[in-house]
Protein backbone atom coordinates (compact mmCIF):
# COMPACT_ATOMS: atom_id res chain seq x y z
CA MET A 1 -0.30 0.15 -0.14
CA ASP A 2 2.88 2.58 0.85
CA MET A 3 4.62 1.45 -2.51
CA HIS A 4 1.47 2.34 -4.19
CA LEU A 5 1.08 5.75 -2.31
CA SER A 6 4.52 6.47 -3.52
CA ASN A 7 4.32 5.76 -7.10
CA GLU A 8 1.07 7.59 -6.99
CA MET A 9 2.81 10.67 -5.35
CA LYS A 10 5.67 10.48 -7.80
CA MET A 11 3.21 10.37 -10.71
CA ASN A 12 1.52 13.43 -9.21
CA GLN A 13 4.81 15.41 -8.97
CA LYS A 14 5.53 14.71 -12.89
CA LEU A 15 2.05 16.29 -13.63
CA ILE A 16 2.52 19.33 -11.72
CA ILE A 17 2.44 22.50 -14.02
CA THR A 18 3.69 25.78 -12.53
CA PRO A 19 2.37 29.04 -13.12
CA GLN A 20 5.38 30.22 -15.32
CA MET A 21 4.71 26.98 -17.38
CA LYS A 22 0.99 27.85 -18.18
CA GLN A 23 2.14 31.14 -18.75
CA TYR A 24 4.65 30.25 -21.43
CA MET A 25 2.34 27.89 -23.27
CA LYS A 26 -0.14 30.40 -23.40
CA ILE A 27 2.36 33.02 -25.10
CA LEU A 28 3.74 30.16 -27.27
CA GLN A 29 0.38 29.55 -28.81
CA MET A 30 -0.42 33.27 -29.61
CA ASN A 31 -0.13 34.53 -32.78
CA GLN A 32 1.29 38.42 -33.40
CA GLN A 33 -1.60 40.38 -32.51
CA GLU A 34 -2.60 38.21 -29.44
CA LEU A 35 0.75 38.69 -28.16
CA ARG A 36 0.85 42.39 -28.92
CA ASN A 37 -2.57 42.68 -27.27
CA TYR A 38 -1.31 40.49 -24.28
CA VAL A 39 1.67 42.68 -23.55
CA GLU A 40 -0.30 45.83 -23.89
CA GLN A 41 -2.75 44.72 -21.37
CA GLN A 42 0.33 43.66 -18.74
CA ALA A 43 1.81 46.88 -19.16
CA LEU A 44 -1.23 48.43 -18.00
CA GLU A 45 -1.18 46.64 -14.88
CA ASN A 46 2.53 46.50 -14.50
CA PRO A 47 4.05 49.93 -14.55
CA VAL A 48 7.54 48.70 -14.35
CA MET A 49 7.02 46.95 -18.11
CA GLU A 50 7.92 49.08 -20.81
CA THR A 51 7.03 48.48 -24.35
CA GLU A 52 8.09 49.95 -27.61
CA PRO A 53 5.37 52.02 -29.74
CA ASP A 54 3.82 49.93 -32.08
CA TYR A 55 4.35 51.05 -35.56
CA ASN A 56 1.39 51.18 -37.59
CA THR A 57 0.83 49.49 -41.20
CA LEU A 58 1.82 52.42 -43.21
CA GLU A 59 5.32 52.16 -41.83
CA TYR A 60 5.80 48.69 -42.14
CA PRO A 61 6.91 48.90 -45.72
CA GLU A 62 9.51 51.34 -44.83
CA ARG A 63 11.17 49.11 -42.13
CA LEU A 64 10.74 45.91 -44.28
CA LYS A 65 12.47 48.02 -47.11
CA LYS A 66 15.54 48.38 -45.01
CA LYS A 67 15.69 45.02 -43.86
CA LEU A 68 15.33 43.60 -47.69
CA ASP A 69 18.15 46.42 -48.86
CA TRP A 70 20.40 44.48 -46.10
CA LEU A 71 19.75 40.94 -47.30
CA GLU A 72 20.24 42.42 -51.17
CA SER A 73 23.45 43.49 -50.13
CA ILE A 74 24.62 40.14 -48.29
CA ASP A 75 24.20 38.19 -51.66
CA GLU A 76 23.96 39.33 -55.35
CA GLU A 77 21.80 35.86 -56.36
CA ASN A 78 18.89 37.25 -54.06
CA ARG A 79 18.63 40.98 -55.71
CA ILE A 80 16.06 40.12 -58.24
CA TYR A 81 13.92 38.10 -55.66
CA TYR A 82 13.94 40.74 -53.06
CA GLN A 83 13.62 43.62 -55.34
CA THR A 84 10.29 41.45 -56.43
CA SER A 85 9.23 40.80 -52.74
CA ARG A 86 9.44 44.68 -51.92
CA GLU A 87 7.28 45.54 -54.75
CA SER A 88 4.44 43.31 -54.34
CA ASP A 89 4.48 44.25 -50.40
CA GLU A 90 4.43 48.02 -51.31
CA PHE A 91 1.63 47.26 -53.57
CA GLU A 92 -0.36 45.26 -51.25
CA HIS A 93 0.24 48.06 -48.33
CA THR A 94 -0.93 50.68 -50.76
CA PHE A 95 -4.26 48.52 -51.58
CA ILE A 96 -4.98 48.07 -48.17
CA SER A 97 -3.99 51.67 -46.74
CA GLU A 98 -6.83 53.34 -49.57
CA ASP A 99 -9.50 54.95 -47.65
CA ASN A 100 -12.64 52.80 -49.20
CA ASN A 101 -16.05 53.71 -48.36
CA ASP A 102 -18.13 50.80 -47.86
CA LEU A 103 -21.30 49.82 -49.90
CA GLN A 104 -23.89 51.40 -47.69
CA GLN A 105 -22.02 54.72 -47.54
CA TYR A 106 -21.26 54.74 -51.30
CA LEU A 107 -24.91 53.96 -51.83
CA LEU A 108 -26.01 56.70 -49.67
CA SER A 109 -24.11 59.16 -51.45
CA GLN A 110 -25.85 58.62 -54.50
CA LEU A 111 -29.09 58.98 -52.65
CA LYS A 112 -28.39 62.42 -51.63
CA MET A 113 -28.27 62.98 -55.51
CA LEU A 114 -31.87 62.09 -55.97
CA SER A 115 -34.96 64.41 -55.27
CA LEU A 116 -36.79 61.83 -52.92
CA SER A 117 -39.31 62.94 -50.40
CA GLU A 118 -38.46 62.41 -46.46
CA LEU A 119 -40.63 59.17 -46.58
CA ASP A 120 -38.96 57.82 -49.72
CA ASP A 121 -35.77 59.11 -48.37
CA LYS A 122 -36.17 57.06 -44.88
CA ILE A 123 -37.37 53.82 -46.62
CA ALA A 124 -34.80 54.06 -48.72
CA ARG A 125 -32.22 54.34 -46.20
CA TYR A 126 -33.79 51.50 -44.41
CA ILE A 127 -33.50 49.17 -47.82
CA ILE A 128 -30.16 50.25 -47.85
CA GLN A 129 -29.36 49.03 -44.36
CA SER A 130 -30.45 46.04 -44.89
CA LEU A 131 -28.22 44.64 -47.62
CA ASN A 132 -25.82 42.16 -46.84
CA GLU A 133 -21.94 42.52 -47.89
CA HIS A 134 -22.64 41.07 -51.18
CA GLY A 135 -25.18 43.62 -51.90
CA TYR A 136 -28.31 41.15 -51.58
CA LEU A 137 -31.34 42.50 -49.85
CA GLU A 138 -31.74 40.37 -46.70
CA GLY A 139 -35.54 40.09 -45.29
CA SER A 140 -38.79 40.45 -47.52
CA LEU A 141 -40.41 43.23 -48.65
CA GLU A 142 -43.58 42.28 -46.55
CA GLU A 143 -41.25 42.53 -43.43
CA ILE A 144 -40.08 45.94 -44.21
CA ALA A 145 -43.40 46.79 -44.92
CA GLN A 146 -44.61 45.72 -41.52
CA ILE A 147 -41.65 47.39 -39.74
CA LEU A 148 -41.84 50.96 -41.60
CA HIS A 149 -46.10 50.78 -41.48
CA ILE A 150 -46.18 51.45 -45.27
CA SER A 151 -47.66 49.23 -48.17
CA GLN A 152 -45.49 46.31 -49.63
CA TYR A 153 -46.04 48.29 -52.98
CA LYS A 154 -44.62 51.36 -51.66
CA VAL A 155 -41.50 49.15 -50.73
CA GLU A 156 -41.08 47.69 -54.09
CA GLU A 157 -41.28 50.96 -55.83
CA ILE A 158 -38.26 52.54 -53.51
CA LEU A 159 -36.51 49.09 -53.95
CA LYS A 160 -36.57 49.62 -57.74
CA ILE A 161 -34.90 53.14 -57.26
CA ILE A 162 -31.90 51.23 -54.92
CA GLN A 163 -31.59 48.61 -57.74
CA SER A 164 -31.07 51.28 -60.16
CA LEU A 165 -27.83 52.84 -58.46
CA GLU A 166 -24.13 51.47 -58.72
CA PRO A 167 -23.03 49.27 -59.02
CA PRO A 168 -25.25 47.16 -61.01
CA GLY A 169 -27.16 44.67 -59.41
CA VAL A 170 -27.32 45.93 -56.14
CA GLY A 171 -30.51 45.64 -54.06
CA ALA A 172 -31.40 41.97 -55.77
CA ARG A 173 -33.02 39.59 -53.73
CA ASN A 174 -31.85 36.51 -55.48
CA LEU A 175 -28.91 35.66 -57.91
CA GLN A 176 -31.33 35.71 -60.85
CA GLU A 177 -32.73 39.05 -60.30
CA CYS A 178 -28.97 40.35 -59.70
CA LEU A 179 -28.18 38.83 -63.11
CA ILE A 180 -30.97 40.33 -65.07
CA ILE A 181 -30.62 43.97 -63.22
CA GLN A 182 -27.22 43.67 -64.58
CA LEU A 183 -28.12 43.05 -68.26
CA LYS A 184 -31.17 45.44 -68.21
CA SER A 185 -28.48 48.38 -67.09
CA LYS A 186 -26.64 47.54 -70.39
CA GLY A 187 -29.71 47.92 -72.66
CA ILE A 188 -29.94 44.14 -72.83
CA GLN A 189 -33.59 42.56 -73.23
CA ASP A 190 -32.87 39.07 -74.54
CA PRO A 191 -36.18 36.73 -73.67
CA ASN A 192 -33.95 33.57 -74.40
CA LEU A 193 -31.31 34.89 -72.30
CA PHE A 194 -33.63 36.01 -69.40
CA LEU A 195 -35.26 32.44 -69.58
CA ILE A 196 -31.66 30.70 -69.12
CA ILE A 197 -31.37 32.72 -66.24
CA TYR A 198 -34.70 32.36 -64.64
CA LYS A 199 -34.81 28.51 -65.39
CA TYR A 200 -31.43 26.84 -66.39
CA LEU A 201 -28.77 28.21 -64.09
CA PRO A 202 -28.15 24.60 -62.39
CA GLU A 203 -28.13 23.23 -66.02
CA LEU A 204 -25.66 25.84 -66.92
CA GLY A 205 -23.68 25.45 -63.95
CA LYS A 206 -23.20 21.52 -65.09
CA ASN A 207 -22.33 22.66 -68.36
CA ARG A 208 -25.21 20.77 -70.04
CA LEU A 209 -25.39 23.21 -73.07
CA ASN A 210 -26.87 20.53 -75.12
CA ALA A 211 -30.06 20.13 -72.96
CA ILE A 212 -30.72 23.72 -72.70
CA ALA A 213 -30.11 24.24 -76.51
CA LYS A 214 -32.80 21.32 -77.21
CA GLU A 215 -34.96 22.86 -74.64
CA LEU A 216 -34.83 26.22 -75.88
CA GLY A 217 -34.96 25.03 -79.72
CA ILE A 218 -31.63 27.11 -80.18
CA SER A 219 -28.08 26.37 -81.32
CA ILE A 220 -25.24 25.47 -79.19
CA ASP A 221 -23.56 28.35 -80.37
CA GLU A 222 -26.26 30.75 -79.01
CA VAL A 223 -26.32 28.70 -75.45
CA LYS A 224 -22.29 29.29 -75.70
CA LYS A 225 -22.91 32.99 -76.35
CA TYR A 226 -25.53 33.26 -73.48
CA CYS A 227 -23.30 31.44 -71.10
CA ASN A 228 -20.24 33.84 -72.05
CA MET A 229 -22.60 36.96 -71.26
CA ILE A 230 -23.77 35.59 -67.80
CA LYS A 231 -20.18 34.57 -66.95
CA ALA A 232 -19.10 38.64 -67.72
CA LEU A 233 -21.57 39.47 -65.14
CA ASN A 234 -20.92 40.05 -61.13
CA PRO A 235 -22.75 37.74 -58.90
CA TYR A 236 -21.70 39.62 -55.75
CA PRO A 237 -21.89 43.33 -56.65
CA GLY A 238 -21.29 44.54 -53.12
CA ASN A 239 -17.92 42.41 -52.85
CA THR A 240 -15.99 44.93 -54.46
CA PHE A 241 -16.51 46.85 -51.19
CA SER A 242 -16.50 44.06 -48.68
CA SER A 243 -13.43 42.40 -49.85
CA ALA A 244 -11.33 45.14 -49.68
CA ARG A 245 -12.46 45.83 -46.01
CA HIS A 246 -11.21 42.22 -44.97
CA ILE A 247 -7.92 42.04 -47.02
CA ARG A 248 -4.92 42.13 -44.54
CA TYR A 249 -1.17 42.01 -45.11
CA ILE A 250 0.32 38.87 -43.35
CA ASN A 251 3.32 39.83 -41.69
CA PRO A 252 5.60 36.46 -41.71
CA ASP A 253 6.75 35.26 -38.23
CA ILE A 254 9.78 33.90 -39.61
CA VAL A 255 11.72 34.77 -43.20
CA VAL A 256 13.90 32.22 -44.88
CA VAL A 257 16.66 33.99 -47.05
CA LYS A 258 18.15 31.82 -49.65
CA PHE A 259 21.86 32.02 -50.00
CA LYS A 260 24.16 30.28 -52.33
CA ASP A 261 24.54 27.40 -50.86
CA TYR A 262 22.29 27.37 -47.97
CA TYR A 263 19.04 28.88 -46.11
CA GLN A 264 19.04 31.51 -43.32
CA VAL A 265 16.36 31.40 -41.05
CA LEU A 266 15.33 34.22 -39.42
CA LEU A 267 12.88 35.51 -36.72
CA ASN A 268 10.90 38.43 -38.18
CA ASP A 269 11.71 41.09 -35.20
CA LEU A 270 9.39 43.63 -36.71
CA ALA A 271 6.43 41.41 -35.67
CA TYR A 272 6.77 41.23 -32.13
CA PRO A 273 6.28 44.12 -28.98
CA LYS A 274 9.62 44.85 -27.70
CA VAL A 275 9.48 44.45 -24.18
CA SER A 276 11.84 45.84 -21.23
CA ILE A 277 11.85 47.02 -17.56
CA SER A 278 11.98 50.55 -16.77
CA ASN A 279 15.33 51.74 -15.58
CA TYR A 280 13.36 54.39 -13.44
CA TYR A 281 11.81 51.85 -11.26
CA ARG A 282 15.15 49.88 -11.17
CA ASP A 283 16.61 53.04 -9.53
CA VAL A 284 13.80 53.27 -7.46
CA LEU A 285 14.39 49.63 -5.97
CA ASN A 286 17.95 50.33 -5.12
CA THR A 287 17.25 53.67 -3.56
CA THR A 288 14.02 53.63 -1.52
CA ASN A 289 13.97 52.51 2.37
CA ASP A 290 10.56 51.75 2.36
CA ASN A 291 10.22 48.17 2.55
CA LYS A 292 6.59 47.84 1.06
CA VAL A 293 7.54 49.78 -1.97
CA LYS A 294 11.00 47.58 -2.20
CA GLU A 295 8.71 44.36 -2.18
CA TYR A 296 6.11 45.95 -4.88
CA ILE A 297 8.56 46.85 -7.39
CA SER A 298 10.41 43.60 -6.90
CA ASN A 299 7.26 41.40 -7.25
CA LYS A 300 6.24 43.71 -10.61
CA ILE A 301 10.13 43.34 -11.60
CA GLU A 302 9.77 39.52 -11.44
CA GLN A 303 6.56 39.49 -13.34
CA ALA A 304 7.83 41.55 -16.13
CA SER A 305 10.79 39.27 -16.43
CA CYS A 306 8.88 36.10 -16.52
CA ILE A 307 6.89 37.71 -19.20
CA ILE A 308 10.21 38.76 -21.18
CA ARG A 309 11.64 35.12 -20.63
CA CYS A 310 8.42 33.63 -21.87
CA ILE A 311 8.82 35.78 -25.19
CA GLU A 312 12.10 35.02 -25.85
CA LYS A 313 11.77 30.94 -25.13
CA ARG A 314 8.59 31.25 -27.70
CA ASN A 315 10.67 33.17 -30.49
CA ASN A 316 13.71 30.68 -29.79
CA THR A 317 11.22 27.64 -30.11
CA LEU A 318 9.46 28.79 -32.98
CA LEU A 319 13.14 29.54 -34.42
CA ASN A 320 14.01 26.21 -33.88
CA ILE A 321 11.31 24.73 -35.37
CA SER A 322 11.29 26.82 -38.69
CA LYS A 323 15.02 25.34 -39.02
CA VAL A 324 14.18 21.86 -38.88
CA ILE A 325 11.61 22.29 -41.10
CA VAL A 326 13.73 23.79 -43.82
CA ASP A 327 16.23 21.01 -43.06
CA ILE A 328 13.37 18.38 -43.60
CA GLN A 329 11.63 20.10 -46.37
CA LYS A 330 14.75 21.38 -48.27
CA GLU A 331 13.46 19.99 -51.77
CA TYR A 332 10.45 22.25 -51.16
CA PHE A 333 12.52 25.69 -50.40
CA ASP A 334 14.78 24.31 -53.36
CA LYS A 335 12.32 23.53 -56.04
CA GLY A 336 8.85 24.39 -55.07
CA PRO A 337 5.28 23.20 -53.53
CA LEU A 338 5.23 20.21 -55.82
CA PHE A 339 8.43 18.62 -53.49
CA LEU A 340 6.62 19.25 -50.41
CA VAL A 341 7.47 16.07 -48.56
CA PRO A 342 5.41 14.07 -45.94
CA MET A 343 6.03 15.46 -42.54
CA THR A 344 4.44 15.19 -38.89
CA LEU A 345 4.72 16.98 -35.43
CA LYS A 346 6.52 13.93 -34.44
CA ASN A 347 9.29 14.41 -36.70
CA ILE A 348 10.05 17.71 -35.33
CA ALA A 349 9.63 16.89 -32.19
CA ASP A 350 11.92 14.11 -32.09
CA ALA A 351 14.38 16.56 -33.49
CA LEU A 352 14.05 18.76 -31.01
CA SER A 353 13.41 16.35 -27.80
CA ILE A 354 10.18 18.69 -27.22
CA HIS A 355 6.58 17.36 -26.83
CA GLU A 356 4.22 17.34 -29.88
CA SER A 357 2.15 19.36 -28.37
CA THR A 358 4.39 22.16 -27.80
CA ILE A 359 4.98 22.05 -31.60
CA SER A 360 1.26 22.31 -32.37
CA ARG A 361 1.05 25.32 -29.93
CA ALA A 362 4.25 27.01 -31.40
CA ILE A 363 3.10 26.79 -34.95
CA HIS A 364 -0.43 27.82 -34.42
CA GLY A 365 -1.44 31.04 -36.24
CA LYS A 366 2.12 31.35 -37.39
CA TYR A 367 3.18 32.38 -40.94
CA LEU A 368 6.57 31.38 -42.70
CA GLN A 369 7.87 33.45 -45.71
CA SER A 370 10.48 32.02 -48.43
CA PRO A 371 11.40 32.53 -51.89
CA TRP A 372 7.91 30.38 -52.44
CA GLY A 373 5.44 32.96 -50.84
CA THR A 374 4.24 33.25 -47.62
CA VAL A 375 2.33 30.33 -45.90
CA GLU A 376 1.00 29.22 -42.74
CA MET A 377 3.20 27.12 -40.61
CA LYS A 378 0.95 24.49 -40.53
CA TYR A 379 1.16 23.94 -44.36
CA PHE A 380 4.36 22.03 -44.14
CA PHE A 381 2.51 19.54 -41.58
CA SER A 382 0.43 18.06 -44.64
CA SER A 383 -2.88 16.80 -43.69
CA GLY A 384 -1.97 13.55 -44.82
CA TYR A 385 -0.06 11.80 -47.71
CA SER A 386 -1.39 9.14 -50.36
CA LYS A 387 -0.08 5.51 -49.09
CA GLU A 388 -0.32 4.45 -52.73
CA SER A 389 2.04 7.11 -53.99
CA ASN A 390 3.92 8.45 -50.91
CA TYR A 391 3.59 12.00 -52.09
CA THR A 392 1.81 14.55 -49.84
CA CYS A 393 -1.98 15.42 -50.68
CA GLU A 394 -0.99 19.17 -51.38
CA SER A 395 2.04 17.90 -53.83
CA ILE A 396 -0.65 15.65 -55.69
CA LYS A 397 -3.09 18.11 -55.61
CA LEU A 398 -1.04 21.02 -57.52
CA LEU A 399 -0.12 17.84 -60.10
CA ILE A 400 -3.59 17.41 -60.80
CA LYS A 401 -4.03 21.39 -61.42
CA GLU A 402 -1.29 21.21 -63.61
CA ILE A 403 -2.56 18.40 -65.49
CA LEU A 404 -5.88 20.02 -66.00
CA GLN A 405 -4.46 23.36 -67.44
CA SER A 406 -2.91 21.59 -70.13
CA GLU A 407 -5.98 19.25 -71.17
CA ASP A 408 -8.00 19.96 -74.46
CA LYS A 409 -11.35 21.56 -73.04
CA ARG A 410 -13.54 20.25 -75.48
CA LYS A 411 -12.15 16.70 -74.54
CA PRO A 412 -11.21 16.87 -70.81
CA TYR A 413 -9.27 14.33 -68.85
CA SER A 414 -11.68 11.52 -66.94
CA ASP A 415 -10.48 10.84 -63.49
CA GLN A 416 -9.01 7.59 -64.70
CA LYS A 417 -7.50 9.45 -67.39
CA ILE A 418 -5.43 11.75 -64.93
CA SER A 419 -4.77 8.64 -62.32
CA ASP A 420 -2.98 7.32 -65.84
CA ILE A 421 -1.18 10.40 -66.41
CA LEU A 422 -0.11 10.78 -62.80
CA LYS A 423 0.94 7.03 -62.84
CA GLN A 424 3.52 8.19 -65.95
CA LYS A 425 4.61 10.73 -63.69
CA GLY A 426 5.44 8.24 -61.08
CA VAL A 427 2.83 9.00 -58.74
CA ARG A 428 0.60 5.92 -58.47
CA ILE A 429 -3.06 6.85 -57.35
CA ALA A 430 -6.37 5.23 -57.86
CA ARG A 431 -9.01 6.84 -59.47
CA ARG A 432 -11.22 7.35 -56.66
CA THR A 433 -8.31 9.20 -55.09
CA VAL A 434 -7.96 11.36 -58.23
CA THR A 435 -11.83 12.20 -57.47
CA LYS A 436 -11.72 12.84 -53.76
CA TYR A 437 -8.59 15.47 -54.32
CA ARG A 438 -10.78 16.93 -57.38
CA GLU A 439 -13.86 17.46 -55.46
CA GLU A 440 -11.82 18.83 -52.42
CA MET A 441 -10.47 21.59 -54.89
CA ASN A 442 -14.15 22.13 -55.86
CA ILE A 443 -13.06 21.40 -59.59
CA PRO A 444 -16.01 19.88 -61.86
CA ALA A 445 -15.92 16.64 -63.35
CA ALA A 446 -14.71 16.18 -67.02
CA SER A 447 -18.60 16.90 -68.03
CA GLY A 448 -18.57 20.35 -65.94
CA ARG A 449 -15.26 21.32 -67.57
CA LYS A 450 -16.08 20.58 -71.20
CA GLN A 451 -16.18 23.45 -73.54
CA PHE A 452 -18.00 23.31 -76.86
């Protein structure tokens, strides 16, 4: 019995997690913004903590430019790559920092130019506020009429005014109405085209052009012409505004720099808050004779020091993980995404002698930039790989995309044909696996890809 209790006590001791360990695990899993928010909150509660003022989005390209200038000067071979990276970064920042009005503001600005009565203006504003981010009207006309205590006819009358505004298609209640509004705004009044939109969109989506032609008694060429006209329309007119609001620049946590004979893995120090301990409070601690003040400042300095150590350990862990990723995935960094090899958390954990859960926490929400672009770090840990071929799922999907890009659209490849082509390339996977990957990429079957 005593032996049993002794063993149980030993097990319990192994399971003890200190507050410092909890804090480290918490900080380890934080992404850049979460860590920044956490540090700011801690600094508000702890007077001895000092943080470097956060730089805004507009300042980032200039800071990155200086870093890339330094990288260029180190290695002549990297000059073209880094110049290209800088140009794309600056373009992306210019785009997201532009002062874009949202859809509702844009419509309201047009509304001001119309001579509407006070009641009509009130109804129009309510309808505009009822549009979703795609520009569609949410809710029925009957509901709006009941809320505003007016007739449904009146609501429909004002809705027609909203539908006459820019962008064309805004204020529609469904996809069909959205497309028809856009065609009418171009002066197009084609009964067959309207009929295809109202009745045959599902068939059009499945590329059943022959069936549509037979139903309408027109030629395949006419159906194809109508199909191209519909494809030129915008099914989500409001997205011009909503997408601009949601686009954000991805600031990498890790930067992989290619040199002539090796890769340098760097922590992006621009991405993280700088934390230090106030010299003023250090001086107070050394000069005060008040024991309570000494105790208070000592505790606060220890708390701040613990946070600083946790952040440093977090960054070192992330850096070490990234170095192992680069070692294992060297083919990827040398040749590109097609050469991504199967890799698990256990591979990294074994190399660093740390637990898999630590790896999982560390890569959560983190991004890595290399000559092949910026990707989430979990990208390198493939969700799986084909046991038939020993290739990663992502690599096979890229190969399938390449094959489909070169197919004759009049005679698209079947899944079996794709499987045969992959086999010729040394990638052995069954037809059903091709079907699975194709569907995961939202690529239609051969019948849906056929062009007449």
